[in-house]
PDB file of N, CA and C in Angstrom:
ATOM      1  N   MET A   1     -42.786  39.068 -25.124  1.00  0.00           N
ATOM      2  CA  MET A   1     -43.475  37.768 -25.332  1.00  0.00           C
ATOM      3  C   MET A   1     -42.248  36.780 -25.856  1.00  0.00           C
ATOM      4  N   ARG A   2     -41.099  37.366 -26.499  1.00  0.00           N
ATOM      5  CA  ARG A   2     -40.450  36.588 -27.256  1.00  0.00           C
ATOM      6  C   ARG A   2     -39.297  36.062 -25.834  1.00  0.00           C
ATOM      7  N   LEU A   3     -39.058  36.831 -24.824  1.00  0.00           N
ATOM      8  CA  LEU A   3     -38.132  36.586 -23.839  1.00  0.00           C
ATOM      9  C   LEU A   3     -39.088  35.717 -22.860  1.00  0.00           C
ATOM     10  N   GLN A   4     -40.112  35.882 -22.804  1.00  0.00           N
ATOM     11  CA  GLN A   4     -41.036  34.605 -22.032  1.00  0.00           C
ATOM     12  C   GLN A   4     -40.881  33.456 -22.662  1.00  0.00           C
ATOM     13  N   SER A   5     -40.948  33.478 -24.315  1.00  0.00           N
ATOM     14  CA  SER A   5     -40.750  32.313 -24.656  1.00  0.00           C
ATOM     15  C   SER A   5     -39.336  31.336 -24.668  1.00  0.00           C
ATOM     16  N   LEU A   6     -38.294  32.175 -24.356  1.00  0.00           N
ATOM     17  CA  LEU A   6     -37.182  31.628 -24.570  1.00  0.00           C
ATOM     18  C   LEU A   6     -36.664  31.368 -23.056  1.00  0.00           C
ATOM     19  N   LEU A   7     -37.367  31.980 -22.047  1.00  0.00           N
ATOM     20  CA  LEU A   7     -36.978  31.768 -20.514  1.00  0.00           C
ATOM     21  C   LEU A   7     -36.966  30.308 -20.115  1.00  0.00           C
ATOM     22  N   PHE A   8     -38.004  29.378 -20.448  1.00  0.00           N
ATOM     23  CA  PHE A   8     -38.157  28.042 -19.979  1.00  0.00           C
ATOM     24  C   PHE A   8     -36.971  27.221 -20.593  1.00  0.00           C
ATOM     25  N   PRO A   9     -36.747  27.291 -21.836  1.00  0.00           N
ATOM     26  CA  PRO A   9     -35.613  26.609 -22.348  1.00  0.00           C
ATOM     27  C   PRO A   9     -34.035  26.957 -21.708  1.00  0.00           C
ATOM     28  N   LEU A  10     -34.118  28.311 -21.524  1.00  0.00           N
ATOM     29  CA  LEU A  10     -32.848  28.684 -21.193  1.00  0.00           C
ATOM     30  C   LEU A  10     -32.555  28.219 -19.450  1.00  0.00           C
ATOM     31  N   LEU A  11     -33.806  28.170 -18.892  1.00  0.00           N
ATOM     32  CA  LEU A  11     -33.534  27.796 -17.476  1.00  0.00           C
ATOM     33  C   LEU A  11     -33.381  26.398 -17.296  1.00  0.00           C
ATOM     34  N   ALA A  12     -34.261  25.487 -18.307  1.00  0.00           N
ATOM     35  CA  ALA A  12     -33.895  23.849 -18.503  1.00  0.00           C
ATOM     36  C   ALA A  12     -32.564  23.719 -18.940  1.00  0.00           C
ATOM     37  N   LEU A  13     -31.771  24.422 -19.741  1.00  0.00           N
ATOM     38  CA  LEU A  13     -30.550  24.357 -20.136  1.00  0.00           C
ATOM     39  C   LEU A  13     -29.252  24.518 -19.164  1.00  0.00           C
ATOM     40  N   GLY A  14     -29.824  25.336 -18.155  1.00  0.00           N
ATOM     41  CA  GLY A  14     -29.059  25.969 -17.343  1.00  0.00           C
ATOM     42  C   GLY A  14     -28.989  24.615 -16.208  1.00  0.00           C
ATOM     43  N   VAL A  15     -30.202  24.354 -15.760  1.00  0.00           N
ATOM     44  CA  VAL A  15     -30.380  23.189 -14.517  1.00  0.00           C
ATOM     45  C   VAL A  15     -29.471  21.890 -15.513  1.00  0.00           C
ATOM     46  N   GLY A  16     -29.828  21.567 -16.608  1.00  0.00           N
ATOM     47  CA  GLY A  16     -29.282  20.400 -17.138  1.00  0.00           C
ATOM     48  C   GLY A  16     -27.586  20.683 -17.131  1.00  0.00           C
ATOM     49  N   GLY A  17     -27.011  21.752 -17.461  1.00  0.00           N
ATOM     50  CA  GLY A  17     -25.947  22.125 -17.460  1.00  0.00           C
ATOM     51  C   GLY A  17     -25.273  21.712 -15.883  1.00  0.00           C
ATOM     52  N   TYR A  18     -25.765  22.485 -15.017  1.00  0.00           N
ATOM     53  CA  TYR A  18     -25.408  22.112 -13.481  1.00  0.00           C
ATOM     54  C   TYR A  18     -25.252  20.714 -13.319  1.00  0.00           C
ATOM     55  N   PHE A  19     -26.426  19.873 -13.695  1.00  0.00           N
ATOM     56  CA  PHE A  19     -26.780  18.479 -13.465  1.00  0.00           C
ATOM     57  C   PHE A  19     -25.393  17.682 -14.061  1.00  0.00           C
ATOM     58  N   VAL A  20     -25.091  18.085 -15.355  1.00  0.00           N
ATOM     59  CA  VAL A  20     -23.914  17.651 -16.186  1.00  0.00           C
ATOM     60  C   VAL A  20     -22.581  17.904 -15.557  1.00  0.00           C
ATOM     61  N   TYR A  21     -22.212  18.819 -15.016  1.00  0.00           N
ATOM     62  CA  TYR A  21     -21.225  19.536 -14.424  1.00  0.00           C
ATOM     63  C   TYR A  21     -20.995  18.836 -13.100  1.00  0.00           C
ATOM     64  N   SER A  22     -22.244  18.370 -12.434  1.00  0.00           N
ATOM     65  CA  SER A  22     -21.844  17.662 -11.002  1.00  0.00           C
ATOM     66  C   SER A  22     -21.627  16.167 -11.229  1.00  0.00           C
ATOM     67  N   LEU A  23     -22.003  15.703 -12.265  1.00  0.00           N
ATOM     68  CA  LEU A  23     -22.008  14.314 -12.814  1.00  0.00           C
ATOM     69  C   LEU A  23     -20.473  14.040 -13.299  1.00  0.00           C
ATOM     70  N   GLN A  24     -19.558  15.176 -13.736  1.00  0.00           N
ATOM     71  CA  GLN A  24     -18.420  14.827 -14.256  1.00  0.00           C
ATOM     72  C   GLN A  24     -17.576  15.187 -12.894  1.00  0.00           C
ATOM     73  N   SER A  25     -17.696  16.132 -12.372  1.00  0.00           N
ATOM     74  CA  SER A  25     -16.517  16.670 -11.320  1.00  0.00           C
ATOM     75  C   SER A  25     -17.158  16.907  -9.958  1.00  0.00           C
ATOM     76  N   GLY A  26     -18.404  16.463  -9.592  1.00  0.00           N
ATOM     77  CA  GLY A  26     -18.960  16.812  -8.231  1.00  0.00           C
ATOM     78  C   GLY A  26     -18.286  15.896  -7.427  1.00  0.00           C
ATOM     79  N   ASP A  27     -18.771  15.758  -6.083  1.00  0.00           N
ATOM     80  CA  ASP A  27     -17.922  15.174  -4.907  1.00  0.00           C
ATOM     81  C   ASP A  27     -18.481  13.571  -4.949  1.00  0.00           C
ATOM     82  N   HIS A  28     -19.230  13.269  -5.914  1.00  0.00           N
ATOM     83  CA  HIS A  28     -19.814  11.767  -6.423  1.00  0.00           C
ATOM     84  C   HIS A  28     -19.889  11.841  -7.579  1.00  0.00           C
ATOM     85  N   GLY A  29     -18.960  12.436  -8.358  1.00  0.00           N
ATOM     86  CA  GLY A  29     -19.058  12.272  -9.938  1.00  0.00           C
ATOM     87  C   GLY A  29     -18.041  11.469 -10.714  1.00  0.00           C
ATOM     88  N   LEU A  30     -17.957  11.402 -11.736  1.00  0.00           N
ATOM     89  CA  LEU A  30     -17.104  10.480 -12.388  1.00  0.00           C
ATOM     90  C   LEU A  30     -15.533  10.438 -12.032  1.00  0.00           C
ATOM     91  N   GLU A  31     -14.965  11.667 -11.927  1.00  0.00           N
ATOM     92  CA  GLU A  31     -13.575  11.972 -11.536  1.00  0.00           C
ATOM     93  C   GLU A  31     -13.616  11.131  -9.978  1.00  0.00           C
ATOM     94  N   ALA A  32     -14.507  11.600  -9.146  1.00  0.00           N
ATOM     95  CA  ALA A  32     -14.048  11.079  -7.876  1.00  0.00           C
ATOM     96  C   ALA A  32     -14.067   9.816  -7.770  1.00  0.00           C
ATOM     97  N   ARG A  33     -14.880   8.990  -8.833  1.00  0.00           N
ATOM     98  CA  ARG A  33     -15.344   7.209  -8.424  1.00  0.00           C
ATOM     99  C   ARG A  33     -13.895   6.724  -9.014  1.00  0.00           C
ATOM    100  N   ALA A  34     -13.465   7.607 -10.316  1.00  0.00           N
ATOM    101  CA  ALA A  34     -11.889   7.171 -10.722  1.00  0.00           C
ATOM    102  C   ALA A  34     -10.814   7.145  -9.879  1.00  0.00           C
ATOM    103  N   THR A  35     -10.874   8.181  -8.915  1.00  0.00           N
ATOM    104  CA  THR A  35      -9.921   8.282  -8.101  1.00  0.00           C
ATOM    105  C   THR A  35     -10.044   7.235  -6.644  1.00  0.00           C
ATOM    106  N   LEU A  36     -11.302   6.948  -6.449  1.00  0.00           N
ATOM    107  CA  LEU A  36     -11.463   6.031  -5.612  1.00  0.00           C
ATOM    108  C   LEU A  36     -11.144   4.628  -6.006  1.00  0.00           C
ATOM    109  N   GLU A  37     -11.414   4.358  -7.138  1.00  0.00           N
ATOM    110  CA  GLU A  37     -10.894   2.950  -8.098  1.00  0.00           C
ATOM    111  C   GLU A  37      -9.580   2.894  -7.752  1.00  0.00           C
ATOM    112  N   LYS A  38      -8.652   4.006  -8.230  1.00  0.00           N
ATOM    113  CA  LYS A  38      -7.144   3.677  -7.840  1.00  0.00           C
ATOM    114  C   LYS A  38      -6.872   3.593  -6.510  1.00  0.00           C
ATOM    115  N   ARG A  39      -7.386   4.288  -5.584  1.00  0.00           N
ATOM    116  CA  ARG A  39      -7.123   4.209  -4.283  1.00  0.00           C
ATOM    117  C   ARG A  39      -7.360   2.867  -3.888  1.00  0.00           C
ATOM    118  N   LYS A  40      -8.580   2.422  -4.179  1.00  0.00           N
ATOM    119  CA  LYS A  40      -8.909   0.760  -3.708  1.00  0.00           C
ATOM    120  C   LYS A  40      -7.812  -0.153  -4.652  1.00  0.00           C
ATOM    121  N   ALA A  41      -7.499  -0.121  -5.576  1.00  0.00           N
ATOM    122  CA  ALA A  41      -6.397  -0.986  -6.052  1.00  0.00           C
ATOM    123  C   ALA A  41      -5.061  -0.796  -5.319  1.00  0.00           C
ATOM    124  N   VAL A  42      -4.754   0.248  -5.144  1.00  0.00           N
ATOM    125  CA  VAL A  42      -3.432   0.388  -3.995  1.00  0.00           C
ATOM    126  C   VAL A  42      -3.778  -0.178  -2.553  1.00  0.00           C
ATOM    127  N   LEU A  43      -4.897   0.060  -2.096  1.00  0.00           N
ATOM    128  CA  LEU A  43      -4.985  -0.491  -1.012  1.00  0.00           C
ATOM    129  C   LEU A  43      -5.336  -1.820  -1.014  1.00  0.00           C
ATOM    130  N   ALA A  44      -5.976  -2.885  -1.772  1.00  0.00           N
ATOM    131  CA  ALA A  44      -5.917  -4.048  -2.210  1.00  0.00           C
ATOM    132  C   ALA A  44      -4.704  -4.616  -2.288  1.00  0.00           C
ATOM    133  N   GLY A  45      -3.486  -3.839  -2.977  1.00  0.00           N
ATOM    134  CA  GLY A  45      -2.128  -4.673  -2.957  1.00  0.00           C
ATOM    135  C   GLY A  45      -1.558  -4.597  -1.425  1.00  0.00           C
ATOM    136  N   GLU A  46      -1.680  -3.329  -1.093  1.00  0.00           N
ATOM    137  CA  GLU A  46      -1.144  -3.205   0.508  1.00  0.00           C
ATOM    138  C   GLU A  46      -1.998  -4.337   1.242  1.00  0.00           C
ATOM    139  N   LEU A  47      -3.049  -4.608   1.432  1.00  0.00           N
ATOM    140  CA  LEU A  47      -3.964  -5.325   2.161  1.00  0.00           C
ATOM    141  C   LEU A  47      -3.291  -6.619   1.919  1.00  0.00           C
ATOM    142  N   ALA A  48      -3.008  -7.090   0.574  1.00  0.00           N
ATOM    143  CA  ALA A  48      -2.497  -8.683   0.374  1.00  0.00           C
ATOM    144  C   ALA A  48      -1.082  -8.556   1.052  1.00  0.00           C
ATOM    145  N   GLY A  49      -0.300  -7.413   0.961  1.00  0.00           N
ATOM    146  CA  GLY A  49       1.060  -7.557   1.459  1.00  0.00           C
ATOM    147  C   GLY A  49       0.859  -7.684   3.240  1.00  0.00           C
ATOM    148  N   LEU A  50       0.313  -6.986   3.975  1.00  0.00           N
ATOM    149  CA  LEU A  50       0.066  -7.101   5.015  1.00  0.00           C
ATOM    150  C   LEU A  50      -0.718  -8.520   5.627  1.00  0.00           C
ATOM    151  N   GLN A  51      -1.500  -9.316   4.610  1.00  0.00           N
ATOM    152  CA  GLN A  51      -1.832 -10.368   5.064  1.00  0.00           C
ATOM    153  C   GLN A  51      -0.903 -11.490   5.043  1.00  0.00           C
ATOM    154  N   ASP A  52       0.074 -11.167   4.085  1.00  0.00           N
ATOM    155  CA  ASP A  52       1.427 -12.379   3.888  1.00  0.00           C
ATOM    156  C   ASP A  52       2.229 -12.158   5.258  1.00  0.00           C
ATOM    157  N   VAL A  53       2.447 -10.963   5.638  1.00  0.00           N
ATOM    158  CA  VAL A  53       3.101 -10.753   7.103  1.00  0.00           C
ATOM    159  C   VAL A  53       2.253 -11.423   7.930  1.00  0.00           C
ATOM    160  N   ARG A  54       0.878 -11.031   8.112  1.00  0.00           N
ATOM    161  CA  ARG A  54       0.333 -11.535   9.071  1.00  0.00           C
ATOM    162  C   ARG A  54       0.630 -13.282   9.217  1.00  0.00           C
ATOM    163  N   ARG A  55       0.460 -13.745   7.990  1.00  0.00           N
ATOM    164  CA  ARG A  55       0.487 -15.422   8.002  1.00  0.00           C
ATOM    165  C   ARG A  55       1.691 -15.728   8.488  1.00  0.00           C
ATOM    166  N   ARG A  56       2.908 -14.787   8.221  1.00  0.00           N
ATOM    167  CA  ARG A  56       4.211 -15.232   8.479  1.00  0.00           C
ATOM    168  C   ARG A  56       4.140 -15.095  10.185  1.00  0.00           C
ATOM    169  N   LEU A  57       3.853 -14.321  10.776  1.00  0.00           N
ATOM    170  CA  LEU A  57       4.007 -13.711  12.201  1.00  0.00           C
ATOM    171  C   LEU A  57       3.046 -14.924  13.041  1.00  0.00           C
ATOM    172  N   GLU A  58       1.898 -15.397  12.318  1.00  0.00           N
ATOM    173  CA  GLU A  58       0.932 -16.395  12.701  1.00  0.00           C
ATOM    174  C   GLU A  58       1.595 -17.617  13.063  1.00  0.00           C
ATOM    175  N   ARG A  59       2.691 -17.884  11.799  1.00  0.00           N
ATOM    176  CA  ARG A  59       3.265 -19.380  11.867  1.00  0.00           C
ATOM    177  C   ARG A  59       4.307 -19.201  12.826  1.00  0.00           C
ATOM    178  N   ASP A  60       5.121 -18.181  13.144  1.00  0.00           N
ATOM    179  CA  ASP A  60       6.083 -17.957  14.009  1.00  0.00           C
ATOM    180  C   ASP A  60       5.859 -18.187  15.359  1.00  0.00           C
ATOM    181  N   VAL A  61       4.610 -17.375  15.497  1.00  0.00           N
ATOM    182  CA  VAL A  61       3.935 -17.580  17.183  1.00  0.00           C
ATOM    183  C   VAL A  61       3.503 -18.960  17.334  1.00  0.00           C
ATOM    184  N   ALA A  62       3.102 -19.574  16.384  1.00  0.00           N
ATOM    185  CA  ALA A  62       2.585 -20.864  16.745  1.00  0.00           C
ATOM    186  C   ALA A  62       3.754 -21.648  16.899  1.00  0.00           C
ATOM    187  N   LEU A  63       4.901 -21.704  16.157  1.00  0.00           N
ATOM    188  CA  LEU A  63       6.020 -22.440  16.719  1.00  0.00           C
ATOM    189  C   LEU A  63       6.796 -21.911  18.132  1.00  0.00           C
ATOM    190  N   LEU A  64       6.422 -20.908  18.397  1.00  0.00           N
ATOM    191  CA  LEU A  64       6.407 -20.532  20.060  1.00  0.00           C
ATOM    192  C   LEU A  64       5.615 -20.775  20.914  1.00  0.00           C
ATOM    193  N   ARG A  65       4.380 -21.373  20.596  1.00  0.00           N
ATOM    194  CA  ARG A  65       3.480 -21.912  21.745  1.00  0.00           C
ATOM    195  C   ARG A  65       3.968 -23.217  22.458  1.00  0.00           C
ATOM    196  N   PRO A  66       3.916 -23.150  23.713  1.00  0.00           N
ATOM    197  CA  PRO A  66       4.295 -24.191  24.588  1.00  0.00           C
ATOM    198  C   PRO A  66       3.763 -25.614  24.121  1.00  0.00           C
ATOM    199  N   GLU A  67       2.877 -25.624  23.668  1.00  0.00           N
ATOM    200  CA  GLU A  67       2.629 -27.103  23.246  1.00  0.00           C
ATOM    201  C   GLU A  67       3.115 -27.667  22.152  1.00  0.00           C
ATOM    202  N   SER A  68       3.949 -26.792  21.041  1.00  0.00           N
ATOM    203  CA  SER A  68       4.489 -26.893  19.764  1.00  0.00           C
ATOM    204  C   SER A  68       5.682 -26.199  19.918  1.00  0.00           C
ATOM    205  N   LEU A  69       6.690 -26.065  20.887  1.00  0.00           N
ATOM    206  CA  LEU A  69       7.825 -25.158  21.021  1.00  0.00           C
ATOM    207  C   LEU A  69       8.744 -25.735  20.277  1.00  0.00           C
ATOM    208  N   ASP A  70       9.528 -25.062  19.302  1.00  0.00           N
ATOM    209  CA  ASP A  70      10.547 -25.332  18.503  1.00  0.00           C
ATOM    210  C   ASP A  70      11.548 -24.628  19.161  1.00  0.00           C
ATOM    211  N   THR A  71      12.503 -25.567  19.827  1.00  0.00           N
ATOM    212  CA  THR A  71      13.774 -25.011  20.265  1.00  0.00           C
ATOM    213  C   THR A  71      14.416 -24.119  19.141  1.00  0.00           C
ATOM    214  N   ASP A  72      14.528 -24.443  18.126  1.00  0.00           N
ATOM    215  CA  ASP A  72      15.584 -23.923  17.145  1.00  0.00           C
ATOM    216  C   ASP A  72      14.975 -22.324  16.747  1.00  0.00           C
ATOM    217  N   MET A  73      13.599 -22.719  16.899  1.00  0.00           N
ATOM    218  CA  MET A  73      13.117 -21.061  16.490  1.00  0.00           C
ATOM    219  C   MET A  73      13.193 -20.373  17.857  1.00  0.00           C
ATOM    220  N   LEU A  74      13.127 -20.799  18.726  1.00  0.00           N
ATOM    221  CA  LEU A  74      13.130 -20.026  20.179  1.00  0.00           C
ATOM    222  C   LEU A  74      14.601 -19.359  20.277  1.00  0.00           C
ATOM    223  N   ASP A  75      15.709 -20.609  19.902  1.00  0.00           N
ATOM    224  CA  ASP A  75      17.211 -20.147  20.098  1.00  0.00           C
ATOM    225  C   ASP A  75      17.009 -18.749  19.060  1.00  0.00           C
ATOM    226  N   GLU A  76      16.793 -19.012  17.846  1.00  0.00           N
ATOM    227  CA  GLU A  76      16.793 -17.976  16.716  1.00  0.00           C
ATOM    228  C   GLU A  76      16.370 -16.789  17.114  1.00  0.00           C
ATOM    229  N   ARG A  77      15.060 -16.591  17.687  1.00  0.00           N
ATOM    230  CA  ARG A  77      14.283 -15.372  17.901  1.00  0.00           C
ATOM    231  C   ARG A  77      15.247 -14.636  19.144  1.00  0.00           C
ATOM    232  N   ALA A  78      15.638 -15.530  20.144  1.00  0.00           N
ATOM    233  CA  ALA A  78      16.300 -14.906  21.420  1.00  0.00           C
ATOM    234  C   ALA A  78      17.830 -14.294  20.928  1.00  0.00           C
ATOM    235  N   ARG A  79      18.538 -15.067  19.952  1.00  0.00           N
ATOM    236  CA  ARG A  79      19.895 -14.378  19.374  1.00  0.00           C
ATOM    237  C   ARG A  79      19.655 -13.104  18.531  1.00  0.00           C
ATOM    238  N   ALA A  80      18.341 -13.405  17.802  1.00  0.00           N
ATOM    239  CA  ALA A  80      18.051 -12.007  16.838  1.00  0.00           C
ATOM    240  C   ALA A  80      17.831 -11.009  17.834  1.00  0.00           C
ATOM    241  N   ILE A  81      16.882 -11.175  18.854  1.00  0.00           N
ATOM    242  CA  ILE A  81      16.500  -9.841  19.781  1.00  0.00           C
ATOM    243  C   ILE A  81      17.786  -9.198  20.582  1.00  0.00           C
ATOM    244  N   LEU A  82      18.366 -10.267  21.265  1.00  0.00           N
ATOM    245  CA  LEU A  82      19.855  -9.871  22.103  1.00  0.00           C
ATOM    246  C   LEU A  82      20.907  -9.587  21.166  1.00  0.00           C
ATOM    247  N   ASN A  83      20.946  -9.766  20.023  1.00  0.00           N
ATOM    248  CA  ASN A  83      22.122  -9.418  19.230  1.00  0.00           C
ATOM    249  C   ASN A  83      23.156 -10.344  19.449  1.00  0.00           C
ATOM    250  N   LEU A  84      23.125 -11.476  19.757  1.00  0.00           N
ATOM    251  CA  LEU A  84      24.078 -12.194  20.260  1.00  0.00           C
ATOM    252  C   LEU A  84      24.143 -13.418  19.545  1.00  0.00           C
ATOM    253  N   ALA A  85      25.656 -14.015  19.568  1.00  0.00           N
ATOM    254  CA  ALA A  85      25.926 -15.209  18.651  1.00  0.00           C
ATOM    255  C   ALA A  85      26.680 -16.202  19.570  1.00  0.00           C
ATOM    256  N   HIS A  86      26.484 -17.555  19.298  1.00  0.00           N
ATOM    257  CA  HIS A  86      27.342 -18.416  20.157  1.00  0.00           C
ATOM    258  C   HIS A  86      28.761 -18.432  19.633  1.00  0.00           C
ATOM    259  N   PRO A  87      29.868 -18.922  20.665  1.00  0.00           N
ATOM    260  CA  PRO A  87      31.222 -18.810  20.197  1.00  0.00           C
ATOM    261  C   PRO A  87      31.439 -19.445  19.327  1.00  0.00           C
ATOM    262  N   ASP A  88      30.541 -20.972  18.832  1.00  0.00           N
ATOM    263  CA  ASP A  88      30.769 -21.706  17.633  1.00  0.00           C
ATOM    264  C   ASP A  88      30.311 -21.347  16.670  1.00  0.00           C
ATOM    265  N   ASP A  89      29.415 -20.599  16.525  1.00  0.00           N
ATOM    266  CA  ASP A  89      28.774 -19.941  15.139  1.00  0.00           C
ATOM    267  C   ASP A  89      29.734 -19.144  14.112  1.00  0.00           C
ATOM    268  N   LEU A  90      29.304 -19.478  12.977  1.00  0.00           N
ATOM    269  CA  LEU A  90      30.137 -18.991  11.918  1.00  0.00           C
ATOM    270  C   LEU A  90      29.311 -17.993  11.408  1.00  0.00           C
ATOM    271  N   ILE A  91      29.616 -16.425  11.207  1.00  0.00           N
ATOM    272  CA  ILE A  91      28.897 -15.476  11.269  1.00  0.00           C
ATOM    273  C   ILE A  91      29.438 -14.952   9.892  1.00  0.00           C
ATOM    274  N   MET A  92      28.501 -14.734   9.092  1.00  0.00           N
ATOM    275  CA  MET A  92      28.746 -14.224   7.486  1.00  0.00           C
ATOM    276  C   MET A  92      28.270 -12.861   7.385  1.00  0.00           C
ATOM    277  N   LEU A  93      28.906 -12.103   7.168  1.00  0.00           N
ATOM    278  CA  LEU A  93      28.455 -10.414   6.974  1.00  0.00           C
ATOM    279  C   LEU A  93      28.359 -10.344   5.422  1.00  0.00           C
ATOM    280  N   LYS A  94      27.356  -9.766   5.427  1.00  0.00           N
ATOM    281  CA  LYS A  94      27.139  -9.287   3.781  1.00  0.00           C
ATOM    282  C   LYS A  94      27.940  -7.965   3.255  1.00  0.00           C
ATOM    283  N   ARG A  95      28.560  -7.942   2.282  1.00  0.00           N
ATOM    284  CA  ARG A  95      29.496  -6.999   1.632  1.00  0.00           C
ATOM    285  C   ARG A  95      28.383  -5.928   0.929  1.00  0.00           C
ATOM    286  N   ARG A  96      28.773  -4.781   1.390  1.00  0.00           N
ATOM    287  CA  ARG A  96      28.012  -3.877   0.550  1.00  0.00           C
ATOM    288  C   ARG A  96      28.323  -3.190  -0.671  1.00  0.00           C
ATOM    289  N   ALA A  97      27.524  -2.938  -1.486  1.00  0.00           N
ATOM    290  CA  ALA A  97      28.133  -2.541  -2.704  1.00  0.00           C
ATOM    291  C   ALA A  97      28.783  -1.171  -2.862  1.00  0.00           C
ATOM    292  N   PRO A  98      29.979  -0.907  -3.530  1.00  0.00           N
ATOM    293  CA  PRO A  98      30.874   0.257  -3.466  1.00  0.00           C
ATOM    294  C   PRO A  98      29.913   1.531  -3.903  1.00  0.00           C
ATOM    295  N   ALA A  99      30.106   2.177  -2.962  1.00  0.00           N
ATOM    296  CA  ALA A  99      29.511   3.664  -3.429  1.00  0.00           C
ATOM    297  C   ALA A  99      30.195   4.348  -4.558  1.00  0.00           C
ATOM    298  N   THR A 100      29.360   4.662  -5.653  1.00  0.00           N
ATOM    299  CA  THR A 100      29.594   5.181  -6.851  1.00  0.00           C
ATOM    300  C   THR A 100      29.806   6.768  -6.825  1.00  0.00           C
ATOM    301  N   GLU A 101      30.729   7.365  -7.510  1.00  0.00           N
ATOM    302  CA  GLU A 101      30.688   8.772  -7.535  1.00  0.00           C
ATOM    303  C   GLU A 101      29.627   9.095  -8.601  1.00  0.00           C
ATOM    304  N   PRO A 102      29.314  10.590  -8.244  1.00  0.00           N
ATOM    305  CA  PRO A 102      28.300  11.402  -9.069  1.00  0.00           C
ATOM    306  C   PRO A 102      28.906  11.377 -10.735  1.00  0.00           C
ATOM    307  N   GLY A 103      28.382  11.206 -11.582  1.00  0.00           N
ATOM    308  CA  GLY A 103      28.675  11.031 -12.987  1.00  0.00           C
ATOM    309  C   GLY A 103      29.448   9.932 -13.445  1.00  0.00           C
ATOM    310  N   SER A 104      29.512   9.126 -12.661  1.00  0.00           N
ATOM    311  CA  SER A 104      30.177   7.854 -13.128  1.00  0.00           C
ATOM    312  C   SER A 104      29.246   7.053 -13.840  1.00  0.00           C
ATOM    313  N   SER A 105      29.773   6.066 -14.812  1.00  0.00           N
ATOM    314  CA  SER A 105      28.855   5.293 -15.608  1.00  0.00           C
ATOM    315  C   SER A 105      28.702   3.905 -14.944  1.00  0.00           C
ATOM    316  N   VAL A 106      29.555   3.709 -14.036  1.00  0.00           N
ATOM    317  CA  VAL A 106      29.308   2.168 -13.349  1.00  0.00           C
ATOM    318  C   VAL A 106      28.164   2.118 -12.538  1.00  0.00           C
ATOM    319  N   LYS A 107      27.268   1.182 -12.786  1.00  0.00           N
ATOM    320  CA  LYS A 107      25.871   1.268 -11.998  1.00  0.00           C
ATOM    321  C   LYS A 107      26.428  -0.170 -11.193  1.00  0.00           C
ATOM    322  N   PRO A 108      25.872  -0.216  -9.609  1.00  0.00           N
ATOM    323  CA  PRO A 108      26.072  -1.422  -8.987  1.00  0.00           C
ATOM    324  C   PRO A 108      25.138  -2.378  -9.485  1.00  0.00           C
TER     325      PRO A 108
END
């Protein structure tokens, strides 16, 4: 008789415990939601960067369209793609920072 009176509360506690566990760490639980929110923030930052790149590319393409062809832009892109320079151009090379030895306290 005593076992029968404890059976329903124990069963209810077990089912409730299962749902609490699933709420916390299940596929659609609180931990999964926090992970998705972090991923959403990272992807939003990446999207903003890609939108900036797209705007720059659209601006560059607009300058190369036949109706609004910018000869300077065309010349710049051709030289960059072909890796060429005009004989009268002044070319400035960037100096690389010297490599430091391991254990050296000087930072570049």
